Amino acid sequence: MKKVDVLELYQTQIFLGTYIGLTPEVFDFICQEGWIQSIEDDQERGLCFADFEFLTLNLTSEDQSGLHRLDQNTIEKFNELDIRIKNQQEYPYYTLDFIDYDEGVVYIIRFKSRFNIDASIN
């Protein structure tokens, strides 16, 4: 039996998942990370939380627990996911992952306008 690559399952969720509007609280946090500024510079305009959307990955119980415990193997797994997400894009990145270790949750956040423009081209 073929071993399932959990990162591929997470990538499928990222590609096919249902996104919802971003909350102002998450927007404020990611603003502190500098990610929003790089997109604003690229778009040559200011952005607000309504310009973004997110989904929450459906994690395995092992991965969720590993995030809570700050397990090094789990952290490395999500570092690899981050690399895979960024490798599918050019800078500035229009999709990113945000990990809430306390809650054991991984959010995928994306810039709506860019995603919808790209989707209509393909």
Protein backbone atom coordinates (compact mmCIF):
# COMPACT_ATOMS: atom_id res chain seq x y z
CA MET A 1 0.00 0.00 0.00
CA LYS A 2 1.32 3.44 -0.94
CA LYS A 3 2.10 5.72 2.01
CA VAL A 4 0.05 8.90 1.90
CA ASP A 5 2.05 12.14 1.86
CA VAL A 6 0.18 14.29 4.36
CA LEU A 7 1.73 17.43 2.90
CA GLU A 8 0.16 16.57 -0.46
CA LEU A 9 -3.19 16.28 1.31
CA TYR A 10 -2.67 19.68 2.87
CA GLN A 11 -1.71 21.15 -0.51
CA THR A 12 -4.92 19.74 -1.99
CA GLN A 13 -6.88 21.49 0.77
CA ILE A 14 -5.06 24.73 -0.08
CA PHE A 15 -5.89 24.40 -3.77
CA LEU A 16 -9.46 23.11 -3.53
CA GLY A 17 -10.60 24.39 -0.13
CA THR A 18 -13.35 26.86 0.60
CA TYR A 19 -11.99 30.23 1.67
CA ILE A 20 -13.84 32.77 3.81
CA GLY A 21 -13.26 36.43 4.60
CA LEU A 22 -10.30 37.29 6.80
CA THR A 23 -10.93 38.64 10.28
CA PRO A 24 -9.52 42.02 11.33
CA GLU A 25 -7.63 40.29 14.18
CA VAL A 26 -5.73 37.93 11.87
CA PHE A 27 -5.13 40.81 9.45
CA ASP A 28 -3.57 42.89 12.25
CA PHE A 29 -1.28 40.02 13.18
CA ILE A 30 -0.06 39.38 9.63
CA CYS A 31 0.50 43.11 9.15
CA GLN A 32 3.09 42.89 11.90
CA GLU A 33 4.87 40.19 9.90
CA GLY A 34 5.49 42.54 6.94
CA TRP A 35 3.72 40.33 4.41
CA ILE A 36 0.94 42.83 3.73
CA GLN A 37 3.46 45.61 3.07
CA SER A 38 5.14 43.60 0.30
CA ILE A 39 1.80 43.11 -1.45
CA GLU A 40 0.85 46.77 -0.97
CA ASP A 41 4.15 47.76 -2.56
CA ASP A 42 3.49 45.43 -5.49
CA GLN A 43 -0.13 46.57 -5.92
CA GLU A 44 0.78 50.24 -5.33
CA ARG A 45 -2.19 50.70 -3.00
CA GLY A 46 -3.17 50.20 0.62
CA LEU A 47 -4.98 47.02 1.62
CA CYS A 48 -7.40 46.04 4.37
CA PHE A 49 -8.63 42.77 5.82
CA ALA A 50 -11.45 42.59 3.22
CA ASP A 51 -8.80 42.13 0.50
CA PHE A 52 -7.85 38.72 1.91
CA GLU A 53 -9.47 35.37 2.59
CA PHE A 54 -8.44 32.29 4.51
CA LEU A 55 -9.13 28.67 5.28
CA THR A 56 -8.13 26.47 8.18
CA LEU A 57 -6.33 23.26 7.26
CA ASN A 58 -7.97 20.06 8.43
CA LEU A 59 -4.94 18.66 10.29
CA THR A 60 -4.30 15.13 11.42
CA SER A 61 -4.63 14.71 15.17
CA GLU A 62 -0.91 13.90 15.28
CA ASP A 63 0.01 17.18 13.57
CA GLN A 64 -2.38 19.21 15.71
CA SER A 65 -0.91 17.69 18.86
CA GLY A 66 2.62 18.21 17.53
CA LEU A 67 1.95 21.91 17.03
CA HIS A 68 0.65 22.21 20.60
CA ARG A 69 3.76 20.49 21.93
CA LEU A 70 6.11 22.41 19.60
CA ASP A 71 7.38 19.03 18.38
CA GLN A 72 10.43 19.60 16.18
CA ASN A 73 9.39 17.01 13.56
CA THR A 74 5.97 18.63 13.22
CA ILE A 75 7.49 22.09 12.96
CA GLU A 76 9.83 20.84 10.22
CA LYS A 77 6.85 19.32 8.37
CA PHE A 78 5.10 22.68 8.29
CA ASN A 79 8.33 24.45 7.32
CA GLU A 80 8.36 22.09 4.33
CA LEU A 81 4.74 22.98 3.56
CA ASP A 82 5.68 26.66 3.68
CA ILE A 83 8.49 26.02 1.18
CA ARG A 84 6.12 24.14 -1.13
CA ILE A 85 3.58 26.97 -1.01
CA LYS A 86 6.23 29.58 -1.79
CA ASN A 87 7.78 27.48 -4.56
CA GLN A 88 4.47 27.66 -6.43
CA GLN A 89 4.64 31.48 -6.48
CA GLU A 90 6.90 34.38 -7.26
CA TYR A 91 7.68 37.15 -4.80
CA PRO A 92 5.68 38.88 -3.47
CA TYR A 93 3.84 35.81 -2.27
CA TYR A 94 0.07 36.01 -2.53
CA THR A 95 -0.59 32.95 -0.37
CA LEU A 96 0.97 32.16 2.97
CA ASP A 97 0.53 29.92 5.96
CA PHE A 98 0.07 31.24 9.47
CA ILE A 99 0.45 28.81 12.37
CA ASP A 100 -1.25 29.31 15.72
CA TYR A 101 0.79 26.95 17.88
CA ASP A 102 -1.31 27.55 21.00
CA GLU A 103 -4.46 26.40 19.22
CA GLY A 104 -2.79 23.82 16.95
CA VAL A 105 -4.26 25.49 13.86
CA VAL A 106 -2.77 26.29 10.46
CA TYR A 107 -4.41 29.11 8.52
CA ILE A 108 -3.84 29.57 4.80
CA ILE A 109 -4.27 33.21 3.86
CA ARG A 110 -4.40 34.56 0.34
CA PHE A 111 -4.83 37.88 -1.43
CA LYS A 112 -8.27 37.63 -3.07
CA SER A 113 -7.75 39.90 -6.05
CA ARG A 114 -4.58 38.20 -7.19
CA PHE A 115 -6.03 34.73 -6.80
CA ASN A 116 -9.20 35.61 -8.71
CA ILE A 117 -7.19 37.26 -11.50
CA ASP A 118 -4.91 34.23 -11.80
CA ALA A 119 -7.85 31.82 -11.70
CA SER A 120 -9.66 33.63 -14.52
CA ILE A 121 -6.57 33.46 -16.74
CA ASN A 122 -6.11 29.68 -16.40
